Protein backbone atom coordinates (compact mmCIF):
# COMPACT_ATOMS: atom_id res chain seq x y z
CA UNK A 1 -72.58 -38.13 -22.57
CA UNK A 2 -71.16 -36.77 -25.88
CA UNK A 3 -72.67 -37.40 -29.29
CA UNK A 4 -70.10 -40.06 -30.32
CA UNK A 5 -70.82 -42.16 -27.22
CA UNK A 6 -74.56 -41.88 -27.78
CA UNK A 7 -74.25 -42.98 -31.38
CA UNK A 8 -72.01 -45.89 -30.35
CA UNK A 9 -74.48 -47.10 -27.69
CA UNK A 10 -77.34 -46.69 -30.10
CA UNK A 11 -75.53 -48.89 -32.62
CA UNK A 12 -74.84 -51.48 -29.92
CA UNK A 13 -78.50 -51.43 -28.93
CA UNK A 14 -79.52 -51.98 -32.53
CA UNK A 15 -77.34 -55.10 -32.84
CA UNK A 16 -78.63 -56.42 -29.50
CA UNK A 17 -82.18 -55.84 -30.63
CA UNK A 18 -81.56 -57.80 -33.86
CA UNK A 19 -80.73 -60.86 -31.75
CA UNK A 20 -84.15 -60.66 -30.08
CA UNK A 21 -86.29 -59.46 -32.97
CA UNK A 22 -87.95 -62.85 -33.61
CA UNK A 23 -89.24 -63.05 -30.05
CA UNK A 24 -89.82 -59.46 -29.07
CA UNK A 25 -92.33 -56.62 -29.11
CA UNK A 26 -92.33 -52.91 -28.43
CA UNK A 27 -91.47 -53.24 -24.74
CA UNK A 28 -88.14 -55.00 -25.38
CA UNK A 29 -87.37 -52.64 -28.26
CA UNK A 30 -87.94 -49.74 -25.88
CA UNK A 31 -85.75 -51.40 -23.24
CA UNK A 32 -82.79 -51.50 -25.56
CA UNK A 33 -83.13 -47.89 -26.75
CA UNK A 34 -80.69 -45.94 -24.60
CA UNK A 35 -81.56 -43.24 -22.08
CA UNK A 36 -84.59 -41.81 -23.84
CA UNK A 37 -82.40 -41.03 -26.86
CA UNK A 38 -84.76 -40.25 -29.73
CA UNK A 39 -83.37 -41.58 -32.98
CA UNK A 40 -84.47 -43.27 -36.15
CA UNK A 41 -83.67 -46.53 -34.42
CA UNK A 42 -86.71 -46.15 -32.17
CA UNK A 43 -88.99 -45.73 -35.15
CA UNK A 44 -87.35 -48.69 -36.89
CA UNK A 45 -87.63 -50.87 -33.80
CA UNK A 46 -91.32 -50.01 -33.33
CA UNK A 47 -92.04 -50.78 -36.97
CA UNK A 48 -90.18 -54.07 -36.68
CA UNK A 49 -92.04 -54.96 -33.50
CA UNK A 50 -95.38 -54.18 -35.13
CA UNK A 51 -94.50 -56.34 -38.11
CA UNK A 52 -93.67 -59.19 -35.79
CA UNK A 53 -96.94 -58.68 -33.89
CA UNK A 54 -98.95 -58.70 -37.11
CA UNK A 55 -97.29 -61.90 -38.27
CA UNK A 56 -97.96 -63.55 -34.92
CA UNK A 57 -101.57 -62.34 -35.03
CA UNK A 58 -102.09 -63.80 -38.50
CA UNK A 59 -100.55 -67.07 -37.30
CA UNK A 60 -102.86 -67.16 -34.25
CA UNK A 61 -105.90 -66.46 -36.42
CA UNK A 62 -104.97 -69.23 -38.84
CA UNK A 63 -104.43 -71.64 -35.97
CA UNK A 64 -107.75 -70.63 -34.41
CA UNK A 65 -109.55 -71.27 -37.68
CA UNK A 66 -107.92 -74.68 -38.02
CA UNK A 67 -108.87 -75.60 -34.44
CA UNK A 68 -112.43 -74.39 -35.00
CA UNK A 69 -112.71 -76.41 -38.20
CA UNK A 70 -111.39 -79.48 -36.41
CA UNK A 71 -113.83 -78.87 -33.55
CA UNK A 72 -116.70 -78.61 -36.01
CA UNK A 73 -115.60 -81.83 -37.73
CA UNK A 74 -115.42 -83.64 -34.39
CA UNK A 75 -118.81 -82.22 -33.42
CA UNK A 76 -120.40 -83.30 -36.70
CA UNK A 77 -119.00 -86.82 -36.36
CA UNK A 78 -119.96 -87.30 -32.72
CA UNK A 79 -123.38 -85.70 -33.10
CA UNK A 80 -124.42 -88.42 -35.54
CA UNK A 81 -124.51 -90.98 -32.75
CA UNK A 82 -127.98 -92.24 -31.76
CA UNK A 83 -128.93 -91.92 -28.09
CA UNK A 84 -132.10 -92.05 -26.04
CA UNK A 85 -133.00 -88.60 -24.79
CA UNK A 86 -135.91 -88.10 -22.38
CA UNK A 87 -137.30 -85.08 -20.53
CA UNK A 88 -138.95 -86.00 -17.23
CA UNK A 89 -141.50 -83.41 -16.13
CA UNK A 90 -144.55 -82.90 -13.93
CA UNK A 91 -147.29 -80.33 -13.79
CA UNK A 92 -147.44 -80.19 -10.01
CA UNK A 93 -144.54 -80.16 -7.60
CA UNK A 94 -144.20 -82.72 -4.82
CA UNK A 95 -145.14 -85.77 -6.91
CA UNK A 96 -141.72 -87.43 -6.65
CA UNK A 97 -140.43 -86.46 -10.10
CA UNK A 98 -136.78 -86.08 -9.08
CA UNK A 99 -136.95 -89.28 -7.03
CA UNK A 100 -138.18 -91.10 -10.13
CA UNK A 101 -135.55 -89.46 -12.36
CA UNK A 102 -132.63 -90.37 -10.10
CA UNK A 103 -133.68 -93.93 -9.31
CA UNK A 104 -134.73 -94.64 -12.88
CA UNK A 105 -131.29 -93.50 -13.99
CA UNK A 106 -129.71 -95.82 -11.41
CA UNK A 107 -131.76 -98.77 -12.67
CA UNK A 108 -130.70 -98.08 -16.25
CA UNK A 109 -127.03 -97.82 -15.29
CA UNK A 110 -126.73 -100.68 -12.77
CA UNK A 111 -129.23 -103.34 -13.81
CA UNK A 112 -129.22 -102.72 -17.56
CA UNK A 113 -125.59 -101.56 -17.82
CA UNK A 114 -126.37 -98.44 -19.81
CA UNK A 115 -124.16 -95.36 -19.78
CA UNK A 116 -126.51 -92.73 -18.38
CA UNK A 117 -126.12 -88.97 -18.06
CA UNK A 118 -128.61 -87.29 -15.73
CA UNK A 119 -128.89 -83.54 -16.28
CA UNK A 120 -130.51 -81.62 -13.45
CA UNK A 121 -132.67 -79.31 -15.56
CA UNK A 122 -134.37 -77.54 -12.67
CA UNK A 123 -132.50 -74.29 -13.20
CA UNK A 124 -133.97 -72.61 -10.13
CA UNK A 125 -134.40 -75.22 -7.40
CA UNK A 126 -132.21 -78.17 -8.33
CA UNK A 127 -131.96 -81.13 -5.93
CA UNK A 128 -130.92 -84.26 -7.82
CA UNK A 129 -127.59 -84.12 -5.98
CA UNK A 130 -129.45 -84.18 -2.64
CA UNK A 131 -131.39 -87.30 -3.63
CA UNK A 132 -128.11 -88.95 -4.63
CA UNK A 133 -126.50 -87.87 -1.36
CA UNK A 134 -123.56 -86.09 -3.01
CA UNK A 135 -122.10 -82.58 -2.84
CA UNK A 136 -121.06 -81.29 -6.27
CA UNK A 137 -117.79 -79.42 -6.54
CA UNK A 138 -118.86 -77.79 -9.81
CA UNK A 139 -122.17 -77.13 -11.53
CA UNK A 140 -123.59 -76.28 -14.94
CA UNK A 141 -123.05 -72.60 -14.10
CA UNK A 142 -119.28 -73.19 -13.83
CA UNK A 143 -119.30 -74.51 -17.37
CA UNK A 144 -121.40 -71.68 -18.79
CA UNK A 145 -120.05 -68.67 -16.89
CA UNK A 146 -116.50 -69.69 -15.94
CA UNK A 147 -115.46 -71.79 -18.91
CA UNK A 148 -115.01 -74.99 -16.91
CA UNK A 149 -115.04 -77.98 -19.32
CA UNK A 150 -117.94 -80.40 -18.94
CA UNK A 151 -115.50 -83.25 -18.37
CA UNK A 152 -114.60 -81.55 -15.05
CA UNK A 153 -118.15 -80.46 -14.19
CA UNK A 154 -119.79 -83.87 -14.59
CA UNK A 155 -119.99 -85.94 -11.38
CA UNK A 156 -119.17 -89.61 -11.75
CA UNK A 157 -121.04 -91.37 -8.97
CA UNK A 158 -120.04 -94.66 -7.43
CA UNK A 159 -123.12 -96.24 -9.01
CA UNK A 160 -121.99 -95.72 -12.60
CA UNK A 161 -124.39 -92.83 -13.14
CA UNK A 162 -123.04 -89.44 -14.24
CA UNK A 163 -124.69 -86.20 -13.14
CA UNK A 164 -124.53 -82.59 -14.30
CA UNK A 165 -125.72 -80.59 -11.30
CA UNK A 166 -127.11 -77.05 -11.16
CA UNK A 167 -126.62 -74.52 -8.35
CA UNK A 168 -129.94 -74.20 -6.57
CA UNK A 169 -131.47 -70.77 -5.97
CA UNK A 170 -129.26 -69.09 -8.58
CA UNK A 171 -130.84 -66.74 -11.12
CA UNK A 172 -127.78 -66.43 -13.36
CA UNK A 173 -129.24 -68.74 -15.95
CA UNK A 174 -132.05 -66.36 -16.88
CA UNK A 175 -129.49 -63.75 -17.98
CA UNK A 176 -127.81 -66.04 -20.49
CA UNK A 177 -127.18 -64.75 -23.98
CA UNK A 178 -128.03 -66.88 -26.98
CA UNK A 179 -124.42 -67.15 -28.16
CA UNK A 180 -123.12 -68.37 -24.79
CA UNK A 181 -125.97 -70.84 -24.43
CA UNK A 182 -125.39 -72.16 -27.93
CA UNK A 183 -121.72 -72.78 -27.11
CA UNK A 184 -122.73 -74.71 -23.99
CA UNK A 185 -125.28 -76.80 -25.91
CA UNK A 186 -122.70 -77.65 -28.54
CA UNK A 187 -120.32 -78.86 -25.84
CA UNK A 188 -123.13 -80.78 -24.11
CA UNK A 189 -124.15 -82.56 -27.33
CA UNK A 190 -120.52 -83.34 -28.06
CA UNK A 191 -120.04 -84.67 -24.53
CA UNK A 192 -123.31 -86.64 -24.62
CA UNK A 193 -121.92 -88.84 -27.38
CA UNK A 194 -120.23 -90.80 -24.57
CA UNK A 195 -123.62 -92.04 -23.30
CA UNK A 196 -126.49 -94.34 -24.25
CA UNK A 197 -129.23 -92.43 -22.43
CA UNK A 198 -129.66 -88.77 -21.42
CA UNK A 199 -132.30 -87.84 -18.84
CA UNK A 200 -133.35 -84.24 -18.19
CA UNK A 201 -134.89 -83.85 -14.74
CA UNK A 202 -137.04 -80.78 -15.44
CA UNK A 203 -138.54 -78.35 -12.95
CA UNK A 204 -142.18 -78.59 -11.92
CA UNK A 205 -144.67 -76.39 -13.72
CA UNK A 206 -145.13 -75.26 -17.30
CA UNK A 207 -142.87 -72.22 -17.72
CA UNK A 208 -140.40 -71.70 -20.57
CA UNK A 209 -137.50 -73.34 -18.73
CA UNK A 210 -139.53 -76.56 -18.59
CA UNK A 211 -140.96 -76.50 -22.11
CA UNK A 212 -137.53 -75.73 -23.61
CA UNK A 213 -136.19 -79.09 -22.37
CA UNK A 214 -139.38 -80.85 -23.48
CA UNK A 215 -138.99 -79.35 -26.95
CA UNK A 216 -135.38 -80.50 -27.12
CA UNK A 217 -135.92 -84.15 -26.18
CA UNK A 218 -137.75 -86.52 -28.55
CA UNK A 219 -139.71 -88.04 -25.66
CA UNK A 220 -141.32 -86.63 -22.53
CA UNK A 221 -142.35 -88.62 -19.46
CA UNK A 222 -144.77 -86.89 -17.10
CA UNK A 223 -144.83 -87.99 -13.46
CA UNK A 224 -148.20 -87.73 -11.72
CA UNK A 225 -149.58 -88.61 -8.34
CA UNK A 226 -153.15 -89.78 -7.77
CA UNK A 227 -154.27 -86.44 -6.30
CA UNK A 228 -156.91 -84.53 -8.33
CA UNK A 229 -154.67 -81.43 -8.49
CA UNK A 230 -151.84 -83.47 -9.99
CA UNK A 231 -154.15 -85.09 -12.52
CA UNK A 232 -155.44 -81.70 -13.67
CA UNK A 233 -151.92 -80.29 -13.92
CA UNK A 234 -150.75 -83.25 -15.97
CA UNK A 235 -153.59 -82.67 -18.41
CA UNK A 236 -152.72 -78.95 -18.58
CA UNK A 237 -149.07 -79.77 -19.33
CA UNK A 238 -150.06 -82.35 -21.93
CA UNK A 239 -152.38 -79.80 -23.55
CA UNK A 240 -149.53 -77.26 -23.73
CA UNK A 241 -147.21 -79.85 -25.28
CA UNK A 242 -149.84 -80.69 -27.89
CA UNK A 243 -150.82 -77.07 -28.63
CA UNK A 244 -147.24 -75.85 -29.10
CA UNK A 245 -146.13 -79.03 -30.86
CA UNK A 246 -143.33 -79.56 -28.34
CA UNK A 247 -143.30 -83.36 -28.47
CA UNK A 248 -145.03 -86.16 -30.34
CA UNK A 249 -144.21 -88.78 -27.72
CA UNK A 250 -145.61 -88.30 -24.22
CA UNK A 251 -145.51 -91.01 -21.59
CA UNK A 252 -146.84 -91.26 -18.04
CA UNK A 253 -145.65 -92.63 -14.70
CA UNK A 254 -148.17 -92.70 -11.86
CA UNK A 255 -146.39 -92.38 -8.53
CA UNK A 256 -147.51 -92.83 -4.92
CA UNK A 257 -150.59 -94.87 -5.82
CA UNK A 258 -152.48 -96.59 -3.00
CA UNK A 259 -152.19 -99.78 -5.01
CA UNK A 260 -151.64 -100.84 -8.61
CA UNK A 261 -155.33 -100.79 -9.51
CA UNK A 262 -155.67 -97.25 -8.23
CA UNK A 263 -152.73 -96.17 -10.37
CA UNK A 264 -154.12 -97.85 -13.48
CA UNK A 265 -157.46 -96.09 -13.03
CA UNK A 266 -155.75 -92.71 -12.85
CA UNK A 267 -153.73 -93.50 -15.96
CA UNK A 268 -156.83 -94.65 -17.83
CA UNK A 269 -158.64 -91.43 -16.93
CA UNK A 270 -155.77 -89.25 -18.14
CA UNK A 271 -155.37 -91.26 -21.31
CA UNK A 272 -159.05 -91.17 -22.23
CA UNK A 273 -159.34 -87.41 -21.58
CA UNK A 274 -156.24 -86.72 -23.67
CA UNK A 275 -157.53 -88.91 -26.46
CA UNK A 276 -160.96 -87.25 -26.46
CA UNK A 277 -159.93 -83.58 -26.26
CA UNK A 278 -156.40 -83.57 -27.70
CA UNK A 279 -156.49 -86.63 -29.92
CA UNK A 280 -153.20 -87.85 -28.45
CA UNK A 281 -152.31 -91.17 -26.91
CA UNK A 282 -150.49 -91.18 -23.57
CA UNK A 283 -148.36 -94.27 -23.03
CA UNK A 284 -148.27 -95.64 -19.46
CA UNK A 285 -144.72 -96.64 -18.52
CA UNK A 286 -145.70 -97.91 -15.09
CA UNK A 287 -147.26 -97.41 -11.67
CA UNK A 288 -145.30 -97.04 -8.42
CA UNK A 289 -147.09 -97.66 -5.14
CA UNK A 290 -146.76 -95.50 -2.06
CA UNK A 291 -144.11 -96.80 0.36
CA UNK A 292 -142.82 -95.60 3.71
CA UNK A 293 -139.46 -97.15 2.85
CA UNK A 294 -139.04 -94.59 0.06
CA UNK A 295 -139.65 -91.75 2.50
CA UNK A 296 -137.04 -93.17 4.90
CA UNK A 297 -134.45 -93.35 2.10
CA UNK A 298 -135.08 -89.72 1.15
CA UNK A 299 -134.59 -88.57 4.74
CA UNK A 300 -131.25 -90.41 4.80
CA UNK A 301 -130.22 -88.79 1.50
CA UNK A 302 -129.88 -92.21 -0.08
CA UNK A 303 -131.30 -93.37 -3.42
CA UNK A 304 -134.14 -95.75 -2.55
CA UNK A 305 -133.04 -98.02 -5.40
CA UNK A 306 -130.25 -99.31 -3.14
CA UNK A 307 -131.63 -98.76 0.36
CA UNK A 308 -135.35 -99.46 0.03
CA UNK A 309 -136.44 -102.65 1.80
CA UNK A 310 -139.63 -102.84 -0.27
CA UNK A 311 -138.45 -104.85 -3.28
CA UNK A 312 -141.72 -104.34 -5.12
CA UNK A 313 -140.78 -100.64 -5.57
CA UNK A 314 -137.43 -101.66 -7.06
CA UNK A 315 -139.19 -104.03 -9.43
CA UNK A 316 -141.52 -101.23 -10.52
CA UNK A 317 -138.54 -98.97 -11.35
CA UNK A 318 -136.77 -101.80 -13.20
CA UNK A 319 -139.88 -102.52 -15.28
CA UNK A 320 -140.19 -98.85 -16.25
CA UNK A 321 -136.50 -98.79 -17.19
CA UNK A 322 -136.97 -101.90 -19.32
CA UNK A 323 -139.97 -100.33 -21.05
CA UNK A 324 -137.86 -97.28 -21.92
CA UNK A 325 -135.04 -99.42 -23.30
CA UNK A 326 -137.39 -101.43 -25.50
CA UNK A 327 -139.10 -98.32 -26.85
CA UNK A 328 -137.56 -96.53 -29.83
CA UNK A 329 -139.57 -93.34 -29.35
CA UNK A 330 -136.86 -91.65 -27.30
CA UNK A 331 -134.02 -92.52 -29.67
CA UNK A 332 -132.54 -89.75 -31.77
CA UNK A 333 -129.37 -88.57 -33.46
CA UNK A 334 -127.67 -85.96 -31.31
CA UNK A 335 -127.51 -83.47 -34.17
CA UNK A 336 -131.31 -83.76 -34.52
CA UNK A 337 -132.02 -82.35 -31.06
CA UNK A 338 -134.11 -79.18 -31.31
CA UNK A 339 -131.59 -76.75 -29.82
CA UNK A 340 -133.26 -73.68 -31.36
CA UNK A 341 -136.39 -74.14 -29.25
CA UNK A 342 -134.24 -74.83 -26.23
CA UNK A 343 -132.30 -71.58 -26.62
CA UNK A 344 -135.45 -69.59 -27.28
CA UNK A 345 -137.15 -71.04 -24.21
CA UNK A 346 -134.25 -70.41 -21.85
CA UNK A 347 -133.67 -66.87 -23.07
CA UNK A 348 -137.34 -65.99 -22.57
CA UNK A 349 -137.17 -67.66 -19.17
């Protein structure tokens, strides 16, 4: 190819490139430079492409800032809504805490027509989905690690109760960074504005994953059985809550009592000990008697609130739900939730 032909093709390439310059980058500029011919046109085209890239980058940054500002405005507006937020915990495992959490949530949503979000807060051995008899497609981990929006993660059950499930036996959560966790919490608080009541079904024990949820919620309900080991563990948990100033409002549910009187005696003992040594009052929300019908429902993976033949158990759950609704201790503005303690607790694990 002689020099005149090369110059002619280079000029043609330049005019073709001008037609694409508003939508192009270096790759297209390079495509229209002919046969590796090194000319001033290549330098000009690269400079032009870089200018276009910079303009697009500045536009994207401005748009991102506007979207972030709008997101913050929406968050600030929604987070001012008042909701009831309760952490349900237990010192000892095996006392029926998750059973109480799930069926209490069902009572609140079906009998009292409240919009309830149940968050499975047992980050290691979650099983609220098993009690409900459902198989989650997504979990909290999908939201945190894969960017799945909460609106797709939340499970809308046929009973009007919504659930955020957690993958059981997964240790990913302990490796969370503060920034990622803060983003998730912001989305959760924003999303929670759709509800009247939020229940955190915490893990058993007193480690940081448990106390972080207790510190976040304005009210804690501890589930105890009538066994001496459970009673001692409830006192130990209550002592930790008092010592670390995690919550000013602690309630009690006595589960699996031989009868009502037995349950009331256990509650009175716990209350008097807490009053004497910790100077705190423990409010009794209710007593639930032991029932074989509850055990049968669990084995069938059905919430006992709908399948239990012992109506006295259902009445007990409904009375506890009513007590929670009438109490204002658990009510808070979403933006007032103590997310700093939550993040600190989860990170320390």
